């Protein structure tokens, strides 16, 4: 299991953060689409690093059409020397239609077609052959020489899909090169729901299939740091738990009624109160809890035989400073 670092796309110079991650021995660096554009951050990271994998976890697929995504990903693949991993997610309907003003329908089927369209576009750009992709959601049939770049000598980037429900998970198994486990998952859900769905979609084997996870981390070197970290993670878990699309994770554990409590609170913006409803039992199921060395060892024990890559996700600045300790402890546990 490779150990990666997830970074915020915020800050004046992403190059410094990327260079520190590479010097720190991380295998990869992941950016997400929250407050800023993940592709711009990776472009800066590519100019400051030489070795580490650079990935999006996630970029919102349906905020763009396949052509725009294919072009920016191809440019990043060239800029990074072939180190890009394109991680895509669907987001939920409200964000796609109201924040991005883009169409929403049949997300699993649309995502399947999206990936196929990406591959058709990359293939045409690399081969010079006529682009003729005609699907139910996307049609790309025009790519003239003026808009086709010179070959950069690297293959198309691998595409990883994020998912929680079985429909999107099945699509990932069918057409993607790997799967991005949502932070709102548990070890039990991963083993009992996600892995069987992926394995079935891939004909019984996950050989060569990338499995990337970014479990919540509740950690710190003092009681105050642990408390602050736990508070932040409880609120984030509560936010996700209020989303109807993620109810299946709660139902597996018998916590479905929790969503009924959280939904009205989320509509009222009662974020602090929502976090207070996340019990220690729920926190322990979703997050790895403990001091840095304990958290690193637990990360490997829980997921070392399942994930090919683990991305250390932190929600507080204090916790972020401890990721190196967590990574070292995870590596030691893996070789013990």
Protein backbone atom coordinates (compact mmCIF):
# COMPACT_ATOMS: atom_id res chain seq x y z
CA UNK A 1 0.00 0.00 0.00
CA UNK A 2 1.53 3.28 -1.13
CA UNK A 3 1.15 6.29 1.14
CA UNK A 4 0.01 9.52 -0.47
CA UNK A 5 -0.79 13.00 0.79
CA UNK A 6 -4.06 14.84 0.17
CA UNK A 7 -3.62 18.59 0.09
CA UNK A 8 -5.96 21.52 -0.07
CA UNK A 9 -5.85 23.50 -3.30
CA UNK A 10 -5.67 26.66 -1.18
CA UNK A 11 -2.63 28.81 -0.52
CA UNK A 12 -0.46 31.15 -2.56
CA UNK A 13 2.02 28.57 -3.74
CA UNK A 14 1.05 24.96 -4.32
CA UNK A 15 4.53 24.33 -5.65
CA UNK A 16 5.95 24.51 -2.12
CA UNK A 17 3.44 21.99 -0.76
CA UNK A 18 4.12 19.60 -3.64
CA UNK A 19 7.89 19.87 -3.25
CA UNK A 20 7.59 19.18 0.49
CA UNK A 21 5.47 16.10 -0.19
CA UNK A 22 8.06 14.72 -2.60
CA UNK A 23 10.93 15.42 -0.20
CA UNK A 24 8.90 13.81 2.57
CA UNK A 25 8.86 10.48 0.74
CA UNK A 26 5.18 10.36 -0.17
CA UNK A 27 4.31 8.29 -3.20
CA UNK A 28 1.62 10.62 -4.50
CA UNK A 29 -0.16 13.93 -4.09
CA UNK A 30 -3.92 14.40 -4.49
CA UNK A 31 -5.97 17.55 -4.87
CA UNK A 32 -9.73 17.88 -4.61
CA UNK A 33 -12.33 20.19 -6.10
CA UNK A 34 -13.79 22.08 -3.18
CA UNK A 35 -12.97 25.79 -3.03
CA UNK A 36 -10.48 25.86 -5.90
CA UNK A 37 -9.74 24.18 -9.21
CA UNK A 38 -7.83 20.90 -8.73
CA UNK A 39 -6.26 20.95 -12.18
CA UNK A 40 -4.55 24.28 -11.67
CA UNK A 41 -3.08 23.04 -8.38
CA UNK A 42 -1.74 19.91 -10.08
CA UNK A 43 -0.24 21.99 -12.87
CA UNK A 44 1.75 23.90 -10.27
CA UNK A 45 2.66 20.66 -8.50
CA UNK A 46 3.92 19.15 -11.75
CA UNK A 47 6.45 21.95 -12.17
CA UNK A 48 7.82 21.44 -8.66
CA UNK A 49 8.17 17.64 -8.59
CA UNK A 50 9.80 14.89 -10.60
CA UNK A 51 8.77 11.57 -9.03
CA UNK A 52 5.45 11.49 -7.23
CA UNK A 53 2.11 10.55 -8.74
CA UNK A 54 -0.26 13.51 -9.16
CA UNK A 55 -3.98 12.89 -8.92
CA UNK A 56 -7.39 14.50 -8.55
CA UNK A 57 -9.54 13.09 -5.77
CA UNK A 58 -11.86 14.19 -7.03
CA UNK A 59 -12.48 16.50 -9.95
CA UNK A 60 -16.20 16.92 -10.61
CA UNK A 61 -16.85 15.18 -13.91
CA UNK A 62 -20.30 16.55 -14.67
CA UNK A 63 -19.19 20.15 -14.10
CA UNK A 64 -17.42 19.83 -17.47
CA UNK A 65 -18.02 17.98 -20.69
CA UNK A 66 -15.71 15.10 -21.69
CA UNK A 67 -13.81 17.24 -24.21
CA UNK A 68 -12.80 19.91 -21.70
CA UNK A 69 -11.75 17.26 -19.20
CA UNK A 70 -9.85 15.29 -21.82
CA UNK A 71 -7.91 18.36 -22.94
CA UNK A 72 -6.86 19.55 -19.48
CA UNK A 73 -5.95 16.00 -18.41
CA UNK A 74 -3.88 15.48 -21.55
CA UNK A 75 -2.07 18.76 -20.94
CA UNK A 76 -1.32 17.75 -17.33
CA UNK A 77 -0.11 14.35 -18.49
CA UNK A 78 2.36 16.09 -20.79
CA UNK A 79 3.41 18.65 -18.18
CA UNK A 80 3.97 16.02 -15.47
CA UNK A 81 5.84 13.59 -17.70
CA UNK A 82 3.11 10.95 -17.53
CA UNK A 83 2.43 11.07 -13.78
CA UNK A 84 -1.25 12.06 -13.80
CA UNK A 85 -4.06 9.97 -12.37
CA UNK A 86 -7.45 11.38 -13.32
CA UNK A 87 -9.85 10.82 -10.44
CA UNK A 88 -13.44 11.74 -11.20
CA UNK A 89 -16.62 11.90 -9.18
CA UNK A 90 -20.22 12.73 -10.02
CA UNK A 91 -21.10 15.06 -7.11
CA UNK A 92 -24.81 15.25 -6.31
CA UNK A 93 -27.67 16.70 -8.33
CA UNK A 94 -28.03 19.97 -6.42
CA UNK A 95 -24.41 20.95 -7.03
CA UNK A 96 -24.41 19.96 -10.69
CA UNK A 97 -27.66 21.73 -11.55
CA UNK A 98 -27.58 24.70 -9.16
CA UNK A 99 -23.87 25.40 -8.65
CA UNK A 100 -22.52 24.46 -12.06
CA UNK A 101 -25.74 24.87 -14.09
CA UNK A 102 -25.06 21.62 -15.93
CA UNK A 103 -27.42 18.75 -16.86
CA UNK A 104 -28.10 15.88 -14.47
CA UNK A 105 -29.67 12.53 -15.29
CA UNK A 106 -28.90 8.86 -14.78
CA UNK A 107 -25.54 9.54 -13.07
CA UNK A 108 -24.14 6.01 -13.28
CA UNK A 109 -24.98 5.57 -16.95
CA UNK A 110 -23.77 9.10 -17.70
CA UNK A 111 -20.47 8.47 -15.92
CA UNK A 112 -19.93 5.24 -17.83
CA UNK A 113 -20.39 7.10 -21.10
CA UNK A 114 -18.21 9.97 -19.87
CA UNK A 115 -15.22 7.65 -19.38
CA UNK A 116 -15.74 6.02 -22.76
CA UNK A 117 -15.91 9.47 -24.36
CA UNK A 118 -12.65 10.49 -22.69
CA UNK A 119 -10.91 7.45 -24.11
CA UNK A 120 -12.33 8.08 -27.57
CA UNK A 121 -11.11 11.68 -27.50
CA UNK A 122 -7.63 10.76 -26.28
CA UNK A 123 -7.42 8.04 -28.89
CA UNK A 124 -8.32 10.41 -31.70
CA UNK A 125 -5.92 13.09 -30.45
CA UNK A 126 -3.07 10.58 -30.33
CA UNK A 127 -3.80 8.68 -33.55
CA UNK A 128 -5.08 11.48 -35.72
CA UNK A 129 -8.05 9.35 -36.70
CA UNK A 130 -11.53 10.82 -37.04
CA UNK A 131 -13.33 11.38 -33.76
CA UNK A 132 -16.76 9.78 -33.84
CA UNK A 133 -18.21 9.29 -30.39
CA UNK A 134 -21.98 9.23 -30.30
CA UNK A 135 -23.65 8.31 -27.05
CA UNK A 136 -26.90 8.95 -25.26
CA UNK A 137 -25.49 11.87 -23.23
CA UNK A 138 -22.44 13.05 -25.12
CA UNK A 139 -21.60 13.37 -28.80
CA UNK A 140 -18.09 14.32 -29.92
CA UNK A 141 -17.65 14.19 -33.68
CA UNK A 142 -15.36 17.11 -34.56
CA UNK A 143 -11.60 17.30 -33.99
CA UNK A 144 -9.70 19.08 -36.73
CA UNK A 145 -5.88 19.25 -37.02
CA UNK A 146 -5.89 22.83 -35.75
CA UNK A 147 -7.19 21.61 -32.38
CA UNK A 148 -5.08 18.46 -32.15
CA UNK A 149 -1.79 18.83 -30.25
CA UNK A 150 1.48 17.20 -31.20
CA UNK A 151 2.05 13.82 -29.45
CA UNK A 152 3.74 14.15 -26.07
CA UNK A 153 4.97 10.57 -25.87
CA UNK A 154 2.96 9.50 -22.82
CA UNK A 155 -0.07 7.21 -22.66
CA UNK A 156 -3.49 8.49 -21.72
CA UNK A 157 -3.76 8.89 -17.94
CA UNK A 158 -5.50 6.19 -15.93
CA UNK A 159 -9.06 7.07 -14.95
CA UNK A 160 -10.31 6.34 -11.44
CA UNK A 161 -13.92 6.79 -10.39
CA UNK A 162 -15.31 7.63 -6.98
CA UNK A 163 -18.48 6.08 -5.71
CA UNK A 164 -20.49 4.98 -2.71
CA UNK A 165 -23.57 3.23 -4.06
CA UNK A 166 -23.39 -0.04 -5.93
CA UNK A 167 -24.51 1.40 -9.28
CA UNK A 168 -21.57 3.82 -9.58
CA UNK A 169 -19.24 1.23 -8.07
CA UNK A 170 -20.23 -1.23 -10.77
CA UNK A 171 -19.50 1.36 -13.46
CA UNK A 172 -16.05 1.90 -11.99
CA UNK A 173 -15.37 -1.81 -12.18
CA UNK A 174 -16.56 -1.99 -15.78
CA UNK A 175 -14.82 0.98 -17.40
CA UNK A 176 -12.30 2.58 -15.01
CA UNK A 177 -8.72 1.75 -14.07
CA UNK A 178 -9.38 2.06 -10.39
CA UNK A 179 -11.73 3.12 -7.62
CA UNK A 180 -11.60 6.08 -5.25
CA UNK A 181 -13.18 5.13 -1.95
CA UNK A 182 -15.25 7.98 -0.57
CA UNK A 183 -14.14 9.18 2.85
CA UNK A 184 -17.67 8.39 3.99
CA UNK A 185 -17.13 4.67 4.10
CA UNK A 186 -16.22 2.13 6.74
CA UNK A 187 -14.01 -0.91 6.66
CA UNK A 188 -17.11 -3.11 6.89
CA UNK A 189 -18.87 -1.33 4.01
CA UNK A 190 -15.73 -1.51 1.91
CA UNK A 191 -15.32 -5.25 2.46
CA UNK A 192 -18.97 -6.29 2.39
CA UNK A 193 -20.39 -3.99 -0.30
CA UNK A 194 -17.76 -2.17 -2.35
CA UNK A 195 -15.25 -4.95 -3.00
CA UNK A 196 -17.86 -7.56 -4.00
CA UNK A 197 -19.47 -5.09 -6.42
CA UNK A 198 -16.14 -4.21 -8.02
CA UNK A 199 -15.00 -7.81 -8.22
CA UNK A 200 -18.23 -8.92 -9.89
CA UNK A 201 -18.06 -6.05 -12.40
CA UNK A 202 -14.50 -7.01 -13.32
CA UNK A 203 -15.24 -10.67 -13.86
CA UNK A 204 -13.99 -11.95 -10.54
CA UNK A 205 -10.56 -10.33 -10.15
CA UNK A 206 -9.18 -6.96 -9.08
CA UNK A 207 -5.67 -7.69 -10.37
CA UNK A 208 -4.16 -4.52 -11.78
CA UNK A 209 -7.05 -2.43 -10.48
CA UNK A 210 -6.13 0.57 -8.33
CA UNK A 211 -7.89 0.94 -4.98
CA UNK A 212 -7.39 4.34 -3.38
CA UNK A 213 -8.74 5.28 0.02
CA UNK A 214 -8.65 8.41 2.15
CA UNK A 215 -10.08 7.49 5.55
CA UNK A 216 -10.76 10.18 8.09
CA UNK A 217 -7.98 10.67 10.63
CA UNK A 218 -8.59 11.78 14.20
CA UNK A 219 -5.20 12.37 15.65
CA UNK A 220 -2.92 14.79 17.45
CA UNK A 221 -0.04 14.91 19.91
CA UNK A 222 -2.06 16.38 22.80
CA UNK A 223 -5.54 15.96 24.22
CA UNK A 224 -6.45 19.40 22.90
CA UNK A 225 -5.34 18.47 19.38
CA UNK A 226 -7.20 15.16 19.51
CA UNK A 227 -10.36 16.90 20.68
CA UNK A 228 -10.18 19.53 17.95
CA UNK A 229 -9.55 16.86 15.33
CA UNK A 230 -12.44 14.72 16.56
CA UNK A 231 -14.80 17.71 16.49
CA UNK A 232 -13.90 18.55 12.91
CA UNK A 233 -14.28 14.94 11.76
CA UNK A 234 -17.59 14.45 13.57
CA UNK A 235 -19.01 17.44 11.72
CA UNK A 236 -17.74 16.20 8.37
CA UNK A 237 -19.17 12.72 8.98
CA UNK A 238 -22.49 14.31 9.95
CA UNK A 239 -22.50 16.42 6.78
CA UNK A 240 -22.06 13.34 4.60
CA UNK A 241 -24.48 11.29 6.69
CA UNK A 242 -27.24 13.82 5.98
CA UNK A 243 -26.96 13.12 2.23
CA UNK A 244 -29.64 10.67 1.03
CA UNK A 245 -27.34 9.10 -1.57
CA UNK A 246 -25.05 7.85 1.21
CA UNK A 247 -27.72 6.31 3.42
CA UNK A 248 -26.70 2.78 2.44
CA UNK A 249 -23.49 3.06 4.45
CA UNK A 250 -25.47 3.95 7.55
CA UNK A 251 -28.06 1.25 6.93
CA UNK A 252 -25.41 -1.48 6.85
CA UNK A 253 -24.51 -0.57 10.43
CA UNK A 254 -28.10 -0.09 11.57
CA UNK A 255 -27.73 3.71 11.75
CA UNK A 256 -30.22 4.70 9.06
CA UNK A 257 -32.39 6.64 11.51
CA UNK A 258 -29.47 8.98 12.11
CA UNK A 259 -30.03 10.50 8.67
CA UNK A 260 -33.61 11.32 9.59
CA UNK A 261 -32.27 13.41 12.47
CA UNK A 262 -29.51 15.05 10.47
CA UNK A 263 -31.49 16.08 7.37
CA UNK A 264 -33.58 18.83 9.02
CA UNK A 265 -30.54 20.07 10.93
CA UNK A 266 -28.54 20.37 7.71
CA UNK A 267 -31.32 22.39 6.10
CA UNK A 268 -31.26 24.68 9.12
CA UNK A 269 -27.47 25.01 8.98
CA UNK A 270 -27.05 23.57 12.48
CA UNK A 271 -23.60 22.14 11.75
CA UNK A 272 -22.38 22.09 15.36
CA UNK A 273 -25.46 20.25 16.56
CA UNK A 274 -25.10 17.74 13.71
CA UNK A 275 -21.58 16.86 14.82
CA UNK A 276 -22.78 16.21 18.36
CA UNK A 277 -24.99 13.39 17.04
CA UNK A 278 -21.95 11.42 15.86
CA UNK A 279 -21.26 9.00 18.70
CA UNK A 280 -17.87 7.50 19.53
CA UNK A 281 -19.01 4.23 17.95
CA UNK A 282 -19.83 5.97 14.68
CA UNK A 283 -16.61 7.99 14.79
CA UNK A 284 -14.51 4.87 15.28
CA UNK A 285 -16.21 3.15 12.34
CA UNK A 286 -15.55 5.98 9.90
CA UNK A 287 -12.27 7.33 11.22
CA UNK A 288 -8.92 6.09 12.41
CA UNK A 289 -8.49 7.47 15.91
CA UNK A 290 -5.29 7.76 17.92
CA UNK A 291 -1.96 9.47 18.30
CA UNK A 292 0.09 9.65 15.08
CA UNK A 293 1.99 6.38 15.52
CA UNK A 294 -1.17 4.57 16.61
CA UNK A 295 -3.13 5.98 13.68
CA UNK A 296 -0.45 4.95 11.19
CA UNK A 297 -0.38 1.40 12.43
CA UNK A 298 -4.17 1.15 12.46
CA UNK A 299 -4.31 2.46 8.90
CA UNK A 300 -2.21 -0.45 7.69
CA UNK A 301 -3.99 -3.02 9.85
CA UNK A 302 -7.44 -1.99 8.58
CA UNK A 303 -6.71 -1.38 4.93
CA UNK A 304 -3.27 -2.73 4.05
CA UNK A 305 -4.68 -5.80 2.29
CA UNK A 306 -7.43 -3.86 0.49
CA UNK A 307 -6.04 -0.52 -0.69
CA UNK A 308 -3.21 -0.11 -3.16
CA UNK A 309 -2.87 3.53 -2.11
CA UNK A 310 -3.88 5.34 1.07
CA UNK A 311 -4.18 9.11 1.00
CA UNK A 312 -3.78 10.83 4.34
CA UNK A 313 -6.71 13.19 4.70
CA UNK A 314 -6.64 15.77 7.49
CA UNK A 315 -9.19 18.41 8.43
CA UNK A 316 -7.20 20.64 10.79
CA UNK A 317 -3.86 22.42 10.39
CA UNK A 318 -2.57 20.87 13.62
CA UNK A 319 -3.33 17.39 12.38
CA UNK A 320 -1.81 18.14 8.98
CA UNK A 321 1.58 18.65 10.63
CA UNK A 322 1.49 15.06 11.94
CA UNK A 323 0.98 13.28 8.62
CA UNK A 324 4.68 12.45 8.29
CA UNK A 325 4.55 10.54 11.59
CA UNK A 326 1.42 8.72 10.47
CA UNK A 327 3.01 7.77 7.17
CA UNK A 328 6.17 6.47 8.84
CA UNK A 329 4.13 4.38 11.30
CA UNK A 330 2.02 2.95 8.47
CA UNK A 331 5.11 1.92 6.54
CA UNK A 332 6.67 0.30 9.61
CA UNK A 333 3.50 -1.67 10.32
CA UNK A 334 3.43 -2.85 6.69
CA UNK A 335 6.96 -4.25 6.91
CA UNK A 336 6.69 -5.67 10.43
